[in-house]
N, C-alpha and C. Protein backbone atom coordinates (compact mmCIF):
# COMPACT_ATOMS: atom_id res chain seq x y z
N MET A 1 0.82 -1.20 0.00
CA MET A 1 0.00 0.00 0.00
C MET A 1 0.86 1.26 0.00
N ARG A 2 2.07 1.17 0.55
CA ARG A 2 2.96 2.35 0.62
C ARG A 2 3.25 2.93 -0.77
N PRO A 3 3.57 2.09 -1.78
CA PRO A 3 3.83 2.67 -3.11
C PRO A 3 2.60 3.39 -3.67
N LEU A 4 1.42 2.84 -3.42
CA LEU A 4 0.20 3.50 -3.90
C LEU A 4 -0.05 4.81 -3.18
N LEU A 5 0.24 4.84 -1.89
CA LEU A 5 0.11 6.10 -1.15
C LEU A 5 1.12 7.14 -1.65
N ALA A 6 2.29 6.68 -2.10
CA ALA A 6 3.26 7.60 -2.69
C ALA A 6 2.73 8.18 -4.00
N VAL A 7 2.06 7.34 -4.81
CA VAL A 7 1.43 7.82 -6.05
C VAL A 7 0.33 8.82 -5.70
N SER A 8 -0.48 8.49 -4.71
CA SER A 8 -1.54 9.39 -4.26
C SER A 8 -0.96 10.74 -3.83
N ASN A 9 0.12 10.69 -3.08
CA ASN A 9 0.77 11.92 -2.61
C ASN A 9 1.29 12.75 -3.79
N ALA A 10 1.86 12.08 -4.79
CA ALA A 10 2.36 12.80 -5.98
C ALA A 10 1.22 13.49 -6.72
N ILE A 11 0.10 12.80 -6.86
CA ILE A 11 -1.07 13.41 -7.51
C ILE A 11 -1.57 14.60 -6.69
N ASP A 12 -1.60 14.43 -5.37
CA ASP A 12 -2.04 15.52 -4.49
C ASP A 12 -1.13 16.74 -4.62
N VAL A 13 0.17 16.50 -4.67
CA VAL A 13 1.13 17.60 -4.78
C VAL A 13 0.93 18.32 -6.12
N LEU A 14 0.76 17.56 -7.19
CA LEU A 14 0.52 18.16 -8.51
C LEU A 14 -0.74 19.02 -8.49
N ASN A 15 -1.82 18.49 -7.93
CA ASN A 15 -3.07 19.26 -7.89
C ASN A 15 -2.98 20.45 -6.94
N GLU A 16 -2.16 20.36 -5.92
CA GLU A 16 -1.92 21.50 -5.03
C GLU A 16 -1.24 22.62 -5.81
N LYS A 17 -0.27 22.27 -6.64
CA LYS A 17 0.42 23.27 -7.47
C LYS A 17 -0.53 23.87 -8.51
N ILE A 18 -1.36 23.03 -9.09
CA ILE A 18 -2.36 23.51 -10.05
C ILE A 18 -3.32 24.47 -9.34
N GLY A 19 -3.69 24.14 -8.13
CA GLY A 19 -4.58 25.00 -7.35
C GLY A 19 -3.95 26.37 -7.10
N TYR A 20 -2.65 26.36 -6.85
CA TYR A 20 -1.94 27.63 -6.64
C TYR A 20 -2.03 28.49 -7.91
N VAL A 21 -1.82 27.87 -9.06
CA VAL A 21 -1.93 28.59 -10.34
C VAL A 21 -3.36 29.11 -10.53
N CYS A 22 -4.33 28.28 -10.19
CA CYS A 22 -5.73 28.71 -10.32
C CYS A 22 -6.03 29.91 -9.43
N ASN A 23 -5.47 29.91 -8.23
CA ASN A 23 -5.66 31.05 -7.34
C ASN A 23 -5.07 32.32 -7.95
N LEU A 24 -3.91 32.19 -8.59
CA LEU A 24 -3.32 33.34 -9.27
C LEU A 24 -4.18 33.80 -10.45
N LEU A 25 -4.79 32.83 -11.14
CA LEU A 25 -5.63 33.18 -12.28
C LEU A 25 -6.85 34.00 -11.86
N VAL A 26 -7.36 33.78 -10.66
CA VAL A 26 -8.47 34.59 -10.18
C VAL A 26 -8.03 36.05 -10.12
N LEU A 27 -6.88 36.29 -9.54
CA LEU A 27 -6.36 37.65 -9.43
C LEU A 27 -6.07 38.24 -10.82
N LEU A 28 -5.39 37.47 -11.65
CA LEU A 28 -5.07 37.97 -13.00
C LEU A 28 -6.32 38.28 -13.81
N SER A 29 -7.31 37.42 -13.70
CA SER A 29 -8.56 37.64 -14.42
C SER A 29 -9.24 38.94 -13.97
N CYS A 30 -9.22 39.18 -12.67
CA CYS A 30 -9.80 40.44 -12.14
C CYS A 30 -9.02 41.65 -12.64
N LEU A 31 -7.69 41.54 -12.64
CA LEU A 31 -6.85 42.65 -13.10
C LEU A 31 -7.07 42.93 -14.59
N VAL A 32 -7.11 41.88 -15.39
CA VAL A 32 -7.34 42.06 -16.84
C VAL A 32 -8.72 42.66 -17.07
N SER A 33 -9.71 42.19 -16.34
CA SER A 33 -11.07 42.71 -16.49
C SER A 33 -11.14 44.18 -16.11
N ALA A 34 -10.53 44.53 -14.99
CA ALA A 34 -10.55 45.93 -14.55
C ALA A 34 -9.78 46.83 -15.52
N ALA A 35 -8.61 46.38 -15.95
CA ALA A 35 -7.81 47.18 -16.89
C ALA A 35 -8.55 47.35 -18.21
N ASN A 36 -9.17 46.29 -18.68
CA ASN A 36 -9.90 46.35 -19.94
C ASN A 36 -11.07 47.34 -19.83
N ALA A 37 -11.78 47.31 -18.71
CA ALA A 37 -12.91 48.24 -18.52
C ALA A 37 -12.40 49.67 -18.43
N MET A 38 -11.32 49.90 -17.70
CA MET A 38 -10.78 51.25 -17.56
C MET A 38 -10.32 51.80 -18.91
N ILE A 39 -9.64 50.99 -19.68
CA ILE A 39 -9.16 51.43 -21.00
C ILE A 39 -10.34 51.71 -21.93
N ARG A 40 -11.36 50.85 -21.86
CA ARG A 40 -12.53 51.03 -22.72
C ARG A 40 -13.22 52.35 -22.41
N TYR A 41 -13.40 52.68 -21.13
CA TYR A 41 -14.10 53.91 -20.76
C TYR A 41 -13.21 55.15 -20.84
N ALA A 42 -11.94 55.01 -20.55
CA ALA A 42 -11.04 56.17 -20.56
C ALA A 42 -10.61 56.54 -21.97
N PHE A 43 -10.36 55.53 -22.82
CA PHE A 43 -9.80 55.81 -24.15
C PHE A 43 -10.69 55.34 -25.30
N SER A 44 -11.87 54.87 -24.99
CA SER A 44 -12.80 54.34 -26.00
C SER A 44 -12.11 53.29 -26.89
N TYR A 45 -11.33 52.45 -26.27
CA TYR A 45 -10.62 51.39 -26.98
C TYR A 45 -10.95 50.05 -26.32
N SER A 46 -11.22 49.07 -27.15
CA SER A 46 -11.52 47.75 -26.61
C SER A 46 -10.83 46.70 -27.48
N SER A 47 -10.46 45.62 -26.86
CA SER A 47 -9.78 44.55 -27.59
C SER A 47 -10.48 43.23 -27.31
N ASN A 48 -10.85 42.53 -28.39
CA ASN A 48 -11.46 41.21 -28.23
C ASN A 48 -10.46 40.22 -27.64
N GLY A 49 -9.19 40.41 -27.94
CA GLY A 49 -8.17 39.52 -27.40
C GLY A 49 -8.13 39.54 -25.88
N TRP A 50 -8.24 40.73 -25.29
CA TRP A 50 -8.24 40.84 -23.83
C TRP A 50 -9.50 40.25 -23.22
N LEU A 51 -10.64 40.44 -23.89
CA LEU A 51 -11.88 39.84 -23.41
C LEU A 51 -11.79 38.32 -23.45
N GLU A 52 -11.26 37.79 -24.55
CA GLU A 52 -11.13 36.33 -24.66
C GLU A 52 -10.11 35.80 -23.66
N LEU A 53 -9.07 36.56 -23.39
CA LEU A 53 -8.09 36.13 -22.39
C LEU A 53 -8.77 35.94 -21.02
N GLN A 54 -9.69 36.82 -20.68
CA GLN A 54 -10.45 36.66 -19.43
C GLN A 54 -11.24 35.36 -19.45
N TRP A 55 -11.89 35.07 -20.56
CA TRP A 55 -12.67 33.84 -20.67
C TRP A 55 -11.75 32.62 -20.56
N TYR A 56 -10.61 32.69 -21.20
CA TYR A 56 -9.66 31.57 -21.17
C TYR A 56 -9.17 31.33 -19.73
N MET A 57 -8.85 32.42 -19.04
CA MET A 57 -8.38 32.25 -17.66
C MET A 57 -9.48 31.65 -16.80
N PHE A 58 -10.71 32.07 -17.00
CA PHE A 58 -11.81 31.52 -16.23
C PHE A 58 -12.02 30.04 -16.56
N ALA A 59 -11.90 29.69 -17.85
CA ALA A 59 -12.05 28.28 -18.25
C ALA A 59 -10.97 27.41 -17.60
N VAL A 60 -9.74 27.88 -17.59
CA VAL A 60 -8.64 27.14 -16.94
C VAL A 60 -8.92 27.02 -15.45
N LEU A 61 -9.35 28.09 -14.85
CA LEU A 61 -9.66 28.11 -13.43
C LEU A 61 -10.73 27.07 -13.09
N VAL A 62 -11.79 27.00 -13.87
CA VAL A 62 -12.87 26.06 -13.61
C VAL A 62 -12.43 24.62 -13.86
N MET A 63 -11.81 24.37 -15.02
CA MET A 63 -11.48 22.99 -15.38
C MET A 63 -10.38 22.41 -14.50
N PHE A 64 -9.36 23.17 -14.18
CA PHE A 64 -8.28 22.65 -13.35
C PHE A 64 -8.56 22.86 -11.86
N GLY A 65 -9.38 23.85 -11.55
CA GLY A 65 -9.74 24.07 -10.15
C GLY A 65 -10.61 22.96 -9.59
N ALA A 66 -11.29 22.21 -10.46
CA ALA A 66 -12.14 21.11 -10.00
C ALA A 66 -11.33 20.04 -9.28
N SER A 67 -10.18 19.68 -9.83
CA SER A 67 -9.36 18.64 -9.19
C SER A 67 -8.78 19.15 -7.87
N TYR A 68 -8.40 20.40 -7.84
CA TYR A 68 -7.88 21.01 -6.61
C TYR A 68 -8.97 21.07 -5.54
N THR A 69 -10.16 21.45 -5.94
CA THR A 69 -11.29 21.52 -5.02
C THR A 69 -11.64 20.14 -4.48
N PHE A 70 -11.62 19.14 -5.34
CA PHE A 70 -11.90 17.77 -4.93
C PHE A 70 -10.83 17.27 -3.95
N LYS A 71 -9.58 17.59 -4.24
CA LYS A 71 -8.48 17.19 -3.37
C LYS A 71 -8.66 17.75 -1.96
N ARG A 72 -9.12 18.97 -1.85
CA ARG A 72 -9.27 19.63 -0.55
C ARG A 72 -10.62 19.34 0.10
N ASN A 73 -11.40 18.47 -0.51
CA ASN A 73 -12.72 18.08 0.00
C ASN A 73 -13.64 19.29 0.15
N GLU A 74 -13.56 20.21 -0.78
CA GLU A 74 -14.39 21.40 -0.76
C GLU A 74 -15.41 21.40 -1.90
N HIS A 75 -15.59 20.23 -2.50
CA HIS A 75 -16.55 20.09 -3.58
C HIS A 75 -17.97 20.00 -3.02
N VAL A 76 -18.94 20.15 -3.90
CA VAL A 76 -20.33 20.07 -3.50
C VAL A 76 -20.67 18.60 -3.28
N ARG A 77 -21.28 18.34 -2.15
CA ARG A 77 -21.68 16.97 -1.83
C ARG A 77 -23.08 17.05 -1.25
N VAL A 78 -23.97 16.19 -1.72
CA VAL A 78 -25.31 16.11 -1.16
C VAL A 78 -25.20 15.23 0.08
N GLU A 79 -25.29 15.87 1.24
CA GLU A 79 -24.99 15.17 2.49
C GLU A 79 -26.23 14.73 3.25
N ILE A 80 -27.30 14.42 2.56
CA ILE A 80 -28.53 14.00 3.23
C ILE A 80 -28.28 12.72 4.02
N LEU A 81 -27.75 11.71 3.37
CA LEU A 81 -27.48 10.44 4.03
C LEU A 81 -26.05 10.34 4.52
N TYR A 82 -25.16 11.05 3.87
CA TYR A 82 -23.72 10.95 4.15
C TYR A 82 -23.42 11.23 5.62
N LEU A 83 -24.03 12.25 6.18
CA LEU A 83 -23.75 12.63 7.56
C LEU A 83 -24.31 11.62 8.58
N MET A 84 -25.28 10.82 8.15
CA MET A 84 -25.85 9.82 9.06
C MET A 84 -25.01 8.54 9.08
N LEU A 85 -24.06 8.41 8.14
CA LEU A 85 -23.23 7.22 8.08
C LEU A 85 -22.08 7.31 9.06
N SER A 86 -21.59 6.14 9.45
CA SER A 86 -20.38 6.10 10.28
C SER A 86 -19.20 6.54 9.41
N GLU A 87 -18.05 6.74 10.04
CA GLU A 87 -16.87 7.13 9.26
C GLU A 87 -16.53 6.06 8.22
N ARG A 88 -16.66 4.81 8.61
CA ARG A 88 -16.39 3.70 7.68
C ARG A 88 -17.41 3.71 6.53
N GLY A 89 -18.67 3.99 6.86
CA GLY A 89 -19.70 4.07 5.82
C GLY A 89 -19.43 5.22 4.85
N GLN A 90 -18.96 6.34 5.38
CA GLN A 90 -18.61 7.48 4.53
C GLN A 90 -17.46 7.12 3.60
N LEU A 91 -16.47 6.40 4.14
CA LEU A 91 -15.34 5.97 3.30
C LEU A 91 -15.83 5.07 2.17
N TRP A 92 -16.72 4.13 2.50
CA TRP A 92 -17.26 3.24 1.47
C TRP A 92 -18.06 4.01 0.43
N LEU A 93 -18.90 4.95 0.87
CA LEU A 93 -19.70 5.73 -0.07
C LEU A 93 -18.80 6.57 -0.99
N ASP A 94 -17.78 7.19 -0.41
CA ASP A 94 -16.82 7.95 -1.22
C ASP A 94 -16.12 7.04 -2.23
N LEU A 95 -15.71 5.88 -1.77
CA LEU A 95 -14.99 4.93 -2.62
C LEU A 95 -15.86 4.48 -3.79
N ILE A 96 -17.08 4.06 -3.49
CA ILE A 96 -17.99 3.58 -4.54
C ILE A 96 -18.35 4.71 -5.51
N GLY A 97 -18.67 5.88 -4.98
CA GLY A 97 -19.03 7.00 -5.84
C GLY A 97 -17.89 7.42 -6.76
N THR A 98 -16.68 7.43 -6.22
CA THR A 98 -15.53 7.84 -7.02
C THR A 98 -15.20 6.79 -8.07
N LEU A 99 -15.20 5.52 -7.67
CA LEU A 99 -14.85 4.43 -8.60
C LEU A 99 -15.87 4.24 -9.71
N PHE A 100 -17.14 4.32 -9.38
CA PHE A 100 -18.17 3.97 -10.35
C PHE A 100 -18.83 5.16 -11.04
N PHE A 101 -18.64 6.35 -10.51
CA PHE A 101 -19.27 7.51 -11.12
C PHE A 101 -18.26 8.57 -11.55
N LEU A 102 -17.46 9.07 -10.62
CA LEU A 102 -16.56 10.18 -10.94
C LEU A 102 -15.51 9.80 -11.99
N ILE A 103 -14.73 8.77 -11.71
CA ILE A 103 -13.63 8.42 -12.62
C ILE A 103 -14.14 8.03 -14.01
N PRO A 104 -15.14 7.12 -14.12
CA PRO A 104 -15.63 6.79 -15.47
C PRO A 104 -16.21 8.00 -16.21
N SER A 105 -16.94 8.86 -15.49
CA SER A 105 -17.52 10.05 -16.14
C SER A 105 -16.43 10.97 -16.66
N CYS A 106 -15.42 11.21 -15.83
CA CYS A 106 -14.33 12.11 -16.24
C CYS A 106 -13.57 11.54 -17.43
N LEU A 107 -13.28 10.26 -17.39
CA LEU A 107 -12.55 9.65 -18.51
C LEU A 107 -13.38 9.65 -19.79
N LEU A 108 -14.68 9.42 -19.67
CA LEU A 108 -15.55 9.48 -20.84
C LEU A 108 -15.59 10.90 -21.42
N LEU A 109 -15.72 11.89 -20.56
CA LEU A 109 -15.75 13.27 -21.04
C LEU A 109 -14.42 13.69 -21.64
N ALA A 110 -13.31 13.23 -21.07
CA ALA A 110 -11.99 13.52 -21.65
C ALA A 110 -11.88 12.88 -23.03
N TYR A 111 -12.33 11.66 -23.14
CA TYR A 111 -12.28 10.92 -24.42
C TYR A 111 -13.16 11.61 -25.47
N LEU A 112 -14.36 12.00 -25.09
CA LEU A 112 -15.27 12.64 -26.04
C LEU A 112 -14.84 14.04 -26.43
N SER A 113 -14.13 14.74 -25.55
CA SER A 113 -13.71 16.11 -25.87
C SER A 113 -12.38 16.14 -26.62
N TRP A 114 -11.65 15.04 -26.65
CA TRP A 114 -10.36 15.01 -27.34
C TRP A 114 -10.49 15.35 -28.84
N PRO A 115 -11.44 14.76 -29.59
CA PRO A 115 -11.57 15.12 -31.01
C PRO A 115 -11.90 16.60 -31.21
N PHE A 116 -12.65 17.18 -30.30
CA PHE A 116 -12.99 18.61 -30.32
C PHE A 116 -11.70 19.44 -30.31
N PHE A 117 -10.77 19.07 -29.42
CA PHE A 117 -9.48 19.73 -29.36
C PHE A 117 -8.65 19.45 -30.62
N MET A 118 -8.57 18.19 -31.02
CA MET A 118 -7.72 17.81 -32.15
C MET A 118 -8.15 18.51 -33.44
N GLN A 119 -9.43 18.62 -33.64
CA GLN A 119 -9.92 19.31 -34.84
C GLN A 119 -9.46 20.77 -34.83
N ALA A 120 -9.60 21.43 -33.70
CA ALA A 120 -9.17 22.82 -33.59
C ALA A 120 -7.67 22.95 -33.77
N TYR A 121 -6.93 21.98 -33.25
CA TYR A 121 -5.47 22.01 -33.37
C TYR A 121 -5.02 21.83 -34.82
N HIS A 122 -5.63 20.86 -35.50
CA HIS A 122 -5.22 20.58 -36.89
C HIS A 122 -5.50 21.73 -37.85
N VAL A 123 -6.53 22.49 -37.59
CA VAL A 123 -6.84 23.62 -38.48
C VAL A 123 -6.34 24.94 -37.91
N SER A 124 -5.61 24.88 -36.80
CA SER A 124 -5.13 26.09 -36.12
C SER A 124 -6.27 27.09 -35.95
N GLU A 125 -7.35 26.61 -35.36
CA GLU A 125 -8.56 27.41 -35.20
C GLU A 125 -8.29 28.72 -34.47
N MET A 126 -8.82 29.77 -35.02
CA MET A 126 -8.72 31.11 -34.43
C MET A 126 -10.12 31.59 -34.07
N SER A 127 -10.17 32.54 -33.19
CA SER A 127 -11.44 33.15 -32.83
C SER A 127 -12.04 33.83 -34.05
N GLY A 128 -13.35 33.84 -34.10
CA GLY A 128 -14.04 34.52 -35.18
C GLY A 128 -14.09 36.03 -34.97
N ASN A 129 -13.70 36.47 -33.80
CA ASN A 129 -13.72 37.90 -33.50
C ASN A 129 -12.42 38.57 -33.95
N ALA A 130 -12.52 39.79 -34.42
CA ALA A 130 -11.34 40.55 -34.82
C ALA A 130 -10.42 40.71 -33.61
N GLY A 131 -9.16 40.39 -33.79
CA GLY A 131 -8.20 40.51 -32.69
C GLY A 131 -8.32 39.40 -31.66
N GLY A 132 -9.09 38.35 -31.99
CA GLY A 132 -9.30 37.24 -31.05
C GLY A 132 -8.09 36.33 -30.96
N LEU A 133 -8.15 35.37 -30.07
CA LEU A 133 -7.03 34.48 -29.79
C LEU A 133 -7.15 33.14 -30.51
N VAL A 134 -6.07 32.40 -30.47
CA VAL A 134 -6.05 31.04 -30.98
C VAL A 134 -6.95 30.20 -30.09
N ARG A 135 -7.73 29.31 -30.68
CA ARG A 135 -8.71 28.55 -29.90
C ARG A 135 -8.23 27.19 -29.42
N TRP A 136 -7.31 26.54 -30.16
CA TRP A 136 -6.98 25.16 -29.77
C TRP A 136 -6.38 25.02 -28.37
N PRO A 137 -5.57 25.97 -27.85
CA PRO A 137 -5.05 25.77 -26.49
C PRO A 137 -6.14 25.69 -25.44
N ILE A 138 -7.17 26.51 -25.58
CA ILE A 138 -8.23 26.48 -24.58
C ILE A 138 -9.10 25.25 -24.75
N LYS A 139 -9.19 24.73 -25.96
CA LYS A 139 -9.95 23.50 -26.16
C LYS A 139 -9.21 22.30 -25.58
N PHE A 140 -7.89 22.39 -25.45
CA PHE A 140 -7.12 21.33 -24.81
C PHE A 140 -7.41 21.26 -23.31
N VAL A 141 -7.77 22.39 -22.74
CA VAL A 141 -8.05 22.46 -21.30
C VAL A 141 -9.21 21.54 -20.92
N ILE A 142 -10.15 21.32 -21.82
CA ILE A 142 -11.32 20.49 -21.49
C ILE A 142 -10.90 19.04 -21.20
N PRO A 143 -10.27 18.32 -22.14
CA PRO A 143 -9.88 16.95 -21.78
C PRO A 143 -8.83 16.91 -20.67
N ALA A 144 -7.92 17.85 -20.66
CA ALA A 144 -6.88 17.86 -19.63
C ALA A 144 -7.48 18.06 -18.24
N GLY A 145 -8.45 18.93 -18.13
CA GLY A 145 -9.10 19.16 -16.84
C GLY A 145 -9.83 17.92 -16.34
N PHE A 146 -10.50 17.21 -17.25
CA PHE A 146 -11.19 15.98 -16.84
C PHE A 146 -10.20 14.88 -16.47
N VAL A 147 -9.07 14.82 -17.15
CA VAL A 147 -8.05 13.83 -16.79
C VAL A 147 -7.49 14.14 -15.40
N MET A 148 -7.24 15.40 -15.12
CA MET A 148 -6.72 15.77 -13.80
C MET A 148 -7.73 15.45 -12.69
N LEU A 149 -9.00 15.65 -12.97
CA LEU A 149 -10.03 15.32 -11.98
C LEU A 149 -10.10 13.80 -11.79
N ALA A 150 -9.97 13.04 -12.87
CA ALA A 150 -9.95 11.58 -12.75
C ALA A 150 -8.73 11.12 -11.96
N LEU A 151 -7.58 11.74 -12.22
CA LEU A 151 -6.37 11.40 -11.45
C LEU A 151 -6.55 11.69 -9.97
N GLN A 152 -7.17 12.81 -9.65
CA GLN A 152 -7.43 13.10 -8.24
C GLN A 152 -8.39 12.08 -7.68
N GLY A 153 -9.33 11.60 -8.50
CA GLY A 153 -10.22 10.53 -8.07
C GLY A 153 -9.45 9.27 -7.73
N VAL A 154 -8.44 8.94 -8.54
CA VAL A 154 -7.59 7.78 -8.26
C VAL A 154 -6.88 7.98 -6.92
N SER A 155 -6.37 9.17 -6.69
CA SER A 155 -5.71 9.47 -5.42
C SER A 155 -6.67 9.27 -4.25
N GLU A 156 -7.89 9.74 -4.39
CA GLU A 156 -8.88 9.60 -3.32
C GLU A 156 -9.24 8.14 -3.08
N VAL A 157 -9.33 7.36 -4.15
CA VAL A 157 -9.61 5.93 -4.01
C VAL A 157 -8.49 5.26 -3.21
N ILE A 158 -7.25 5.57 -3.54
CA ILE A 158 -6.11 4.99 -2.83
C ILE A 158 -6.18 5.33 -1.34
N LYS A 159 -6.47 6.60 -1.04
CA LYS A 159 -6.55 7.02 0.37
C LYS A 159 -7.69 6.33 1.09
N ARG A 160 -8.84 6.17 0.42
CA ARG A 160 -9.99 5.52 1.06
C ARG A 160 -9.71 4.04 1.31
N VAL A 161 -9.10 3.38 0.35
CA VAL A 161 -8.77 1.95 0.54
C VAL A 161 -7.79 1.80 1.70
N ALA A 162 -6.78 2.66 1.75
CA ALA A 162 -5.81 2.59 2.85
C ALA A 162 -6.50 2.83 4.19
N ALA A 163 -7.42 3.77 4.24
CA ALA A 163 -8.14 4.05 5.49
C ALA A 163 -9.03 2.87 5.87
N LEU A 164 -9.70 2.26 4.89
CA LEU A 164 -10.55 1.10 5.18
C LEU A 164 -9.72 -0.09 5.67
N ARG A 165 -8.49 -0.19 5.21
CA ARG A 165 -7.61 -1.28 5.66
C ARG A 165 -6.95 -0.97 6.99
N GLY A 166 -7.19 0.23 7.50
CA GLY A 166 -6.63 0.62 8.78
C GLY A 166 -5.17 1.05 8.71
N GLU A 167 -4.67 1.28 7.51
CA GLU A 167 -3.26 1.67 7.35
C GLU A 167 -3.05 3.17 7.48
N THR A 168 -4.10 3.92 7.39
CA THR A 168 -4.02 5.36 7.48
C THR A 168 -5.39 5.90 7.86
N THR A 169 -5.45 7.14 8.27
CA THR A 169 -6.73 7.80 8.50
C THR A 169 -6.79 9.00 7.57
N ILE A 170 -7.97 9.53 7.40
CA ILE A 170 -8.16 10.67 6.50
C ILE A 170 -8.37 11.93 7.33
N ASP A 171 -7.55 12.94 7.07
CA ASP A 171 -7.74 14.25 7.68
C ASP A 171 -8.94 14.88 6.96
N ALA A 172 -10.04 15.03 7.66
CA ALA A 172 -11.30 15.44 7.03
C ALA A 172 -11.21 16.81 6.36
N LYS A 173 -10.40 17.72 6.88
CA LYS A 173 -10.35 19.06 6.31
C LYS A 173 -9.66 19.07 4.95
N TYR A 174 -8.51 18.43 4.84
CA TYR A 174 -7.75 18.51 3.60
C TYR A 174 -7.56 17.17 2.91
N GLU A 175 -8.24 16.15 3.41
CA GLU A 175 -8.20 14.85 2.77
C GLU A 175 -6.80 14.28 2.67
N ARG A 176 -5.96 14.59 3.62
CA ARG A 176 -4.60 14.03 3.62
C ARG A 176 -4.57 12.78 4.47
N PRO A 177 -3.93 11.73 3.98
CA PRO A 177 -3.80 10.56 4.85
C PRO A 177 -2.81 10.87 5.97
N THR A 178 -3.13 10.39 7.15
CA THR A 178 -2.21 10.54 8.28
C THR A 178 -1.84 9.16 8.76
N GLN A 179 -0.65 9.04 9.29
CA GLN A 179 -0.15 7.73 9.72
C GLN A 179 -0.65 7.38 11.09
C-alpha cells in the first residue's frame, strides 16, 4: 500500500500546485477585467483579445480548479445520508461514488472532448472575433481538466482503501492521509 500512497501523494502535490496557479488566475482575471474596462471607458478602446483572455483564464480556473477543489474536500456533496453514516460508511460511499461515477464520467468526457481539441489544433482554429485568440489551447483544457479530476479521483480511491484497511486515516479538512 505504501507505493500506492506515494502515487496518491504525488497526484495531491501536482493538484496543489495547479490550485496555486488557479488562485493566481483569479487575481489575473480580475486585473485584466478591470484594466480592460478602464481602457474602454477612458480611451474608447476595446480589444477582443483581452476579453477572450479573461474567458480563457476563467475556463482554466474552472477545469483545473475542480481537481484542486476535490483534493481539498471542498466540492459540492449532497450530504442528506452521508452525515448519518459512520466514518467507515462514509469511506465506502466515497470509494464507490468515485470508482463507479466520478472516474468513469471524467474519462468518458476527456475521451469525447479530445476530437474537439484535435480538430481545432489541426486547423489552427482562431477566434471569429477581430483581434481574437487562438482557440486550440483552450480546447485542450477540457480533456486535460477531466483527466486531472480523474487522477485526483484515483488518489482519493487509494486514500480511502488505505483508510478502510486501517493503514491510514483521512484528515477530514484537507483529505490528507495521516499515519
